[in-house]
Amino acid sequence: MDERQDRTRDESLQPTGAAVVDIWTFRTDTMGGGTVGGTDMDLTGYSVEATDGGIGKIDEATYEAGGSYLVVDTGPWIFGKKVMLPAGVVDRLDADSETVYVSRTKDEIKNAPEYDEERSRDDDYRGELGGYYGDRDRTSL
């Protein structure tokens, strides 16, 4: 496959480019005054609430520019499954109750691509997750 075909294939997987990039970035208006991405706030251990109820606790949080995500341990809710949520799905944060609210339903999170720790930094894997969660942003507009 030549470079042009490869670029076209990638663009077809990510039709809006910016949405996929934004999905991996914490929105500054959601952080309730705390600095996520800096050293002021660590989200590990925070509870996570979907739009229709609790889904678990944050097991890991990364704060990389353009590549931030949360790994959520769902506990008994999905039989101990872990899920990787791009930072852009964070809707708001309540530091007092140590709760992160995400803009997805429990079913959307349950049906997301399986978390794969070994591939968590792999561009193709992130593209798959970004496409899954990014598509939901585009359809809800």
C-alpha atoms as a PDB file:
ATOM      1  CA  MET A   1       0.000   0.000   0.000  1.00  0.00           C
ATOM      2  CA  ASP A   2       1.459   3.394  -0.927  1.00  0.00           C
ATOM      3  CA  GLU A   3       1.589   6.391   1.420  1.00  0.00           C
ATOM      4  CA  ARG A   4      -1.481   8.050  -0.130  1.00  0.00           C
ATOM      5  CA  GLN A   5      -3.611   4.912   0.254  1.00  0.00           C
ATOM      6  CA  ASP A   6      -2.408   4.480   3.851  1.00  0.00           C
ATOM      7  CA  ARG A   7      -3.296   8.122   4.665  1.00  0.00           C
ATOM      8  CA  THR A   8      -6.743   7.701   3.052  1.00  0.00           C
ATOM      9  CA  ARG A   9      -7.368   4.521   5.061  1.00  0.00           C
ATOM     10  CA  ASP A  10      -6.445   6.325   8.305  1.00  0.00           C
ATOM     11  CA  GLU A  11      -8.633   9.318   7.420  1.00  0.00           C
ATOM     12  CA  SER A  12     -11.586   7.027   6.711  1.00  0.00           C
ATOM     13  CA  LEU A  13     -11.213   5.502  10.176  1.00  0.00           C
ATOM     14  CA  GLN A  14     -11.135   8.962  11.761  1.00  0.00           C
ATOM     15  CA  PRO A  15     -13.455  11.143   9.706  1.00  0.00           C
ATOM     16  CA  THR A  16     -13.154  14.285  11.820  1.00  0.00           C
ATOM     17  CA  GLY A  17      -9.525  14.082  12.939  1.00  0.00           C
ATOM     18  CA  ALA A  18     -10.017  16.712  15.642  1.00  0.00           C
ATOM     19  CA  ALA A  19     -12.631  14.645  17.487  1.00  0.00           C
ATOM     20  CA  VAL A  20     -10.190  11.774  17.797  1.00  0.00           C
ATOM     21  CA  VAL A  21      -7.434  14.075  19.041  1.00  0.00           C
ATOM     22  CA  ASP A  22      -9.803  15.841  21.471  1.00  0.00           C
ATOM     23  CA  ILE A  23     -11.086  12.537  22.857  1.00  0.00           C
ATOM     24  CA  TRP A  24      -7.634  11.962  24.413  1.00  0.00           C
ATOM     25  CA  THR A  25      -7.492  15.357  26.161  1.00  0.00           C
ATOM     26  CA  PHE A  26      -9.089  16.396  29.450  1.00  0.00           C
ATOM     27  CA  ARG A  27     -11.388  19.353  28.878  1.00  0.00           C
ATOM     28  CA  THR A  28     -10.294  22.209  31.148  1.00  0.00           C
ATOM     29  CA  ASP A  29     -13.895  23.212  31.916  1.00  0.00           C
ATOM     30  CA  THR A  30     -14.602  19.830  33.552  1.00  0.00           C
ATOM     31  CA  MET A  31     -11.848  19.801  36.140  1.00  0.00           C
ATOM     32  CA  GLY A  32     -13.480  21.891  38.859  1.00  0.00           C
ATOM     33  CA  GLY A  33     -10.435  24.070  39.439  1.00  0.00           C
ATOM     34  CA  GLY A  34      -8.006  21.173  39.877  1.00  0.00           C
ATOM     35  CA  THR A  35      -5.096  20.773  37.530  1.00  0.00           C
ATOM     36  CA  VAL A  36      -5.341  17.418  35.822  1.00  0.00           C
ATOM     37  CA  GLY A  37      -2.309  16.921  33.684  1.00  0.00           C
ATOM     38  CA  GLY A  38      -0.133  18.648  36.239  1.00  0.00           C
ATOM     39  CA  THR A  39       0.840  17.472  39.680  1.00  0.00           C
ATOM     40  CA  ASP A  40      -2.046  19.012  41.619  1.00  0.00           C
ATOM     41  CA  MET A  41      -4.552  16.175  41.240  1.00  0.00           C
ATOM     42  CA  ASP A  42      -4.362  12.383  41.115  1.00  0.00           C
ATOM     43  CA  LEU A  43      -7.597  10.676  40.055  1.00  0.00           C
ATOM     44  CA  THR A  44      -6.506   7.162  41.085  1.00  0.00           C
ATOM     45  CA  GLY A  45      -9.119   5.692  43.435  1.00  0.00           C
ATOM     46  CA  TYR A  46     -11.883   8.109  42.410  1.00  0.00           C
ATOM     47  CA  SER A  47     -15.325   6.618  41.746  1.00  0.00           C
ATOM     48  CA  VAL A  48     -16.612   6.797  38.181  1.00  0.00           C
ATOM     49  CA  GLU A  49     -20.245   7.557  37.333  1.00  0.00           C
ATOM     50  CA  ALA A  50     -21.718   6.979  33.891  1.00  0.00           C
ATOM     51  CA  THR A  51     -24.807   8.962  32.898  1.00  0.00           C
ATOM     52  CA  ASP A  52     -26.974   6.171  34.332  1.00  0.00           C
ATOM     53  CA  GLY A  53     -25.027   5.000  37.393  1.00  0.00           C
ATOM     54  CA  GLY A  54     -21.716   3.934  38.896  1.00  0.00           C
ATOM     55  CA  ILE A  55     -19.259   1.796  36.962  1.00  0.00           C
ATOM     56  CA  GLY A  56     -16.275   1.408  39.283  1.00  0.00           C
ATOM     57  CA  LYS A  57     -13.086   3.090  40.465  1.00  0.00           C
ATOM     58  CA  ILE A  58     -10.114   4.551  38.633  1.00  0.00           C
ATOM     59  CA  ASP A  59      -7.217   2.111  38.728  1.00  0.00           C
ATOM     60  CA  GLU A  60      -4.844   4.245  36.634  1.00  0.00           C
ATOM     61  CA  ALA A  61      -4.902   7.742  35.180  1.00  0.00           C
ATOM     62  CA  THR A  62      -2.484   9.241  32.673  1.00  0.00           C
ATOM     63  CA  TYR A  63      -2.011  12.912  31.957  1.00  0.00           C
ATOM     64  CA  GLU A  64      -0.118  12.986  28.668  1.00  0.00           C
ATOM     65  CA  ALA A  65      -0.782  15.901  26.330  1.00  0.00           C
ATOM     66  CA  GLY A  66      -3.128  14.549  23.647  1.00  0.00           C
ATOM     67  CA  GLY A  67      -2.992  11.002  25.050  1.00  0.00           C
ATOM     68  CA  SER A  68      -4.673  11.039  28.466  1.00  0.00           C
ATOM     69  CA  TYR A  69      -6.935   8.241  29.636  1.00  0.00           C
ATOM     70  CA  LEU A  70      -8.441   6.513  32.645  1.00  0.00           C
ATOM     71  CA  VAL A  71      -8.363   2.793  33.365  1.00  0.00           C
ATOM     72  CA  VAL A  72     -11.446   1.894  35.375  1.00  0.00           C
ATOM     73  CA  ASP A  73     -11.771  -1.304  37.392  1.00  0.00           C
ATOM     74  CA  THR A  74     -15.456  -2.159  37.066  1.00  0.00           C
ATOM     75  CA  GLY A  75     -15.351  -4.670  39.918  1.00  0.00           C
ATOM     76  CA  PRO A  76     -18.352  -6.997  40.024  1.00  0.00           C
ATOM     77  CA  TRP A  77     -20.385  -4.822  37.624  1.00  0.00           C
ATOM     78  CA  ILE A  78     -18.745  -6.408  34.542  1.00  0.00           C
ATOM     79  CA  PHE A  79     -17.142  -9.377  36.292  1.00  0.00           C
ATOM     80  CA  GLY A  80     -13.936  -7.554  37.185  1.00  0.00           C
ATOM     81  CA  LYS A  81     -13.327  -6.228  33.690  1.00  0.00           C
ATOM     82  CA  LYS A  82     -11.186  -3.124  33.270  1.00  0.00           C
ATOM     83  CA  VAL A  83     -12.051  -0.495  30.692  1.00  0.00           C
ATOM     84  CA  MET A  84      -9.960   2.291  29.176  1.00  0.00           C
ATOM     85  CA  LEU A  85     -11.750   5.619  28.871  1.00  0.00           C
ATOM     86  CA  PRO A  86     -10.219   8.446  26.845  1.00  0.00           C
ATOM     87  CA  ALA A  87      -9.931  11.672  28.890  1.00  0.00           C
ATOM     88  CA  GLY A  88     -12.360  13.463  26.565  1.00  0.00           C
ATOM     89  CA  VAL A  89     -15.327  11.455  27.891  1.00  0.00           C
ATOM     90  CA  VAL A  90     -14.899  13.041  31.333  1.00  0.00           C
ATOM     91  CA  ASP A  91     -17.874  15.338  31.751  1.00  0.00           C
ATOM     92  CA  ARG A  92     -17.067  16.746  35.178  1.00  0.00           C
ATOM     93  CA  LEU A  93     -15.162  16.104  38.351  1.00  0.00           C
ATOM     94  CA  ASP A  94     -16.211  16.440  41.983  1.00  0.00           C
ATOM     95  CA  ALA A  95     -13.014  16.544  44.042  1.00  0.00           C
ATOM     96  CA  ASP A  96     -14.951  16.703  47.343  1.00  0.00           C
ATOM     97  CA  SER A  97     -16.687  13.360  46.733  1.00  0.00           C
ATOM     98  CA  GLU A  98     -13.744  12.008  44.693  1.00  0.00           C
ATOM     99  CA  THR A  99     -16.036  11.207  41.780  1.00  0.00           C
ATOM    100  CA  VAL A 100     -15.462  11.515  38.042  1.00  0.00           C
ATOM    101  CA  TYR A 101     -18.576  11.763  35.862  1.00  0.00           C
ATOM    102  CA  VAL A 102     -18.347  10.551  32.277  1.00  0.00           C
ATOM    103  CA  SER A 103     -20.598  11.335  29.327  1.00  0.00           C
ATOM    104  CA  ARG A 104     -21.325   7.703  28.450  1.00  0.00           C
ATOM    105  CA  THR A 105     -23.943   5.180  29.523  1.00  0.00           C
ATOM    106  CA  LYS A 106     -23.107   1.964  31.323  1.00  0.00           C
ATOM    107  CA  ASP A 107     -24.016   0.001  28.178  1.00  0.00           C
ATOM    108  CA  GLU A 108     -21.692   2.099  25.998  1.00  0.00           C
ATOM    109  CA  ILE A 109     -18.844   1.432  28.412  1.00  0.00           C
ATOM    110  CA  LYS A 110     -19.725  -2.245  28.786  1.00  0.00           C
ATOM    111  CA  ASN A 111     -19.760  -2.681  24.975  1.00  0.00           C
ATOM    112  CA  ALA A 112     -16.494  -0.791  24.397  1.00  0.00           C
ATOM    113  CA  PRO A 113     -13.469  -2.595  22.970  1.00  0.00           C
ATOM    114  CA  GLU A 114     -11.788  -4.759  25.599  1.00  0.00           C
ATOM    115  CA  TYR A 115      -9.027  -3.096  27.642  1.00  0.00           C
ATOM    116  CA  ASP A 116      -5.649  -4.471  26.632  1.00  0.00           C
ATOM    117  CA  GLU A 117      -2.850  -3.290  28.936  1.00  0.00           C
ATOM    118  CA  GLU A 118      -0.143  -4.432  26.527  1.00  0.00           C
ATOM    119  CA  ARG A 119      -1.628  -2.321  23.719  1.00  0.00           C
ATOM    120  CA  SER A 120      -2.628   0.731  25.798  1.00  0.00           C
ATOM    121  CA  ARG A 121       0.055   2.897  24.160  1.00  0.00           C
ATOM    122  CA  ASP A 122      -0.355   1.406  20.678  1.00  0.00           C
ATOM    123  CA  ASP A 123      -1.621   3.894  18.055  1.00  0.00           C
ATOM    124  CA  ASP A 124      -3.919   1.333  16.373  1.00  0.00           C
ATOM    125  CA  TYR A 125      -5.519   0.391  19.681  1.00  0.00           C
ATOM    126  CA  ARG A 126      -6.002   4.043  20.617  1.00  0.00           C
ATOM    127  CA  GLY A 127      -7.467   4.647  17.166  1.00  0.00           C
ATOM    128  CA  GLU A 128      -9.980   1.855  17.768  1.00  0.00           C
ATOM    129  CA  LEU A 129     -10.996   3.283  21.152  1.00  0.00           C
ATOM    130  CA  GLY A 130     -10.978   6.861  19.860  1.00  0.00           C
ATOM    131  CA  GLY A 131     -13.221   5.813  16.988  1.00  0.00           C
ATOM    132  CA  TYR A 132     -15.617   4.016  19.325  1.00  0.00           C
ATOM    133  CA  TYR A 133     -15.943   6.847  21.833  1.00  0.00           C
ATOM    134  CA  GLY A 134     -15.520   9.609  19.229  1.00  0.00           C
ATOM    135  CA  ASP A 135     -18.404   8.234  17.141  1.00  0.00           C
ATOM    136  CA  ARG A 136     -20.667   8.666  20.118  1.00  0.00           C
ATOM    137  CA  ASP A 137     -19.662  12.350  20.352  1.00  0.00           C
ATOM    138  CA  ARG A 138     -20.536  12.924  16.706  1.00  0.00           C
ATOM    139  CA  THR A 139     -23.917  11.186  16.911  1.00  0.00           C
ATOM    140  CA  SER A 140     -24.980  13.056  20.039  1.00  0.00           C
ATOM    141  CA  LEU A 141     -24.528  16.517  18.464  1.00  0.00           C
END
